[in-house]
Amino acid sequence: MLAAAIALASGGLIGLVLGLIGGGGSILAVPLLVYAVGVPSAHVAIGTAAFAVALNAATSLGLHAWRTSIRWPCALVFSAAGVGGALAGAAFGKSVDGQKLLALFGLVMIVVGLVMLRPKPASGSQSARLTRENARRLLPRLIVLGAGVGLLSGFFGIGGGFLIVPGLILATDMELQDAASASLVAVTAFGIASASSYAWSGLVDWPVAALLVGGGAVGAIAGTKANTVLARRKGLLTRVFAWFVIAAGLYVGGRGALTFLQA
């Protein structure tokens, strides 16, 4: 009963962060499942987190598609290229020792925190669309970057939005706002691919995943409302959260490495 309550609260925290600062919340899912909820296996935690991330991203994608225009051709090519990478990353992740995987995950958390501390990239001069005229130039970029990001997303069971957004901007000169919306297509696709691979191996805790998603929905509503109130302090909140992610990454990575070395 206590574990269920903690899982629900963990989902609420993830959704709150996503709604409040617009990203980064999914990076908390795995350490919360391992160290707060008490999921005994790092692989089960990653598979469960991947499912929750995919479902939350799909919900957000629906809201974005209703309110704004999404650059579907670029997003779909990037996502299609990344699905293969995500499946390969998930297969490789399942073969890596759980404690070593947590140590690597801690390192990724530190990188994510540092990326969040950097100033936002400047918007492109125009929001690029994939056409027959520019396909020869844009397609290779979208395919290579999509496959690379998908590989990392599948390996660690994270959404990868912090990599997808700059990847789309780099590949297409897409404006930041459009890249953020298009990234949800990739996050959904990569999450489904990763979760499917882990589920096939029996590495998804479905009751915990349902609690994570349910709590995330409530947290997202609260976070979105708080975002409106604290809009002028969003930059400060992002920096505070980034330092929290870095500190958590040091803890997760250090603990995972220590446990692995003692094994």
Foldseek 3Di string as FASTA:
>chain_A
DQLLVLLLVLLLQLLLVCQAQVDDSLLVQQVSCCPPSNPPFSLLSLLLSLQLQLVVLVVVLVVCVVPHPALPVLLVLLQVLLLVLLLVLQVVLVVDHRLQLLLVSLVVLLVLLVLLLDDDDAQFPEAFHDDPVCCVQQNVLSNVQSSVQSNVCNNRSGLSLSSQQVSSCVRGSHTSVNSSSSSSSNSNSSSVSSSVSSVVVVSYDVSSSVSSNNSSVVSNVVNNVVNVVCVVCSSVVSNVVSVVSNVVSCVSSVVSVVVVVVD
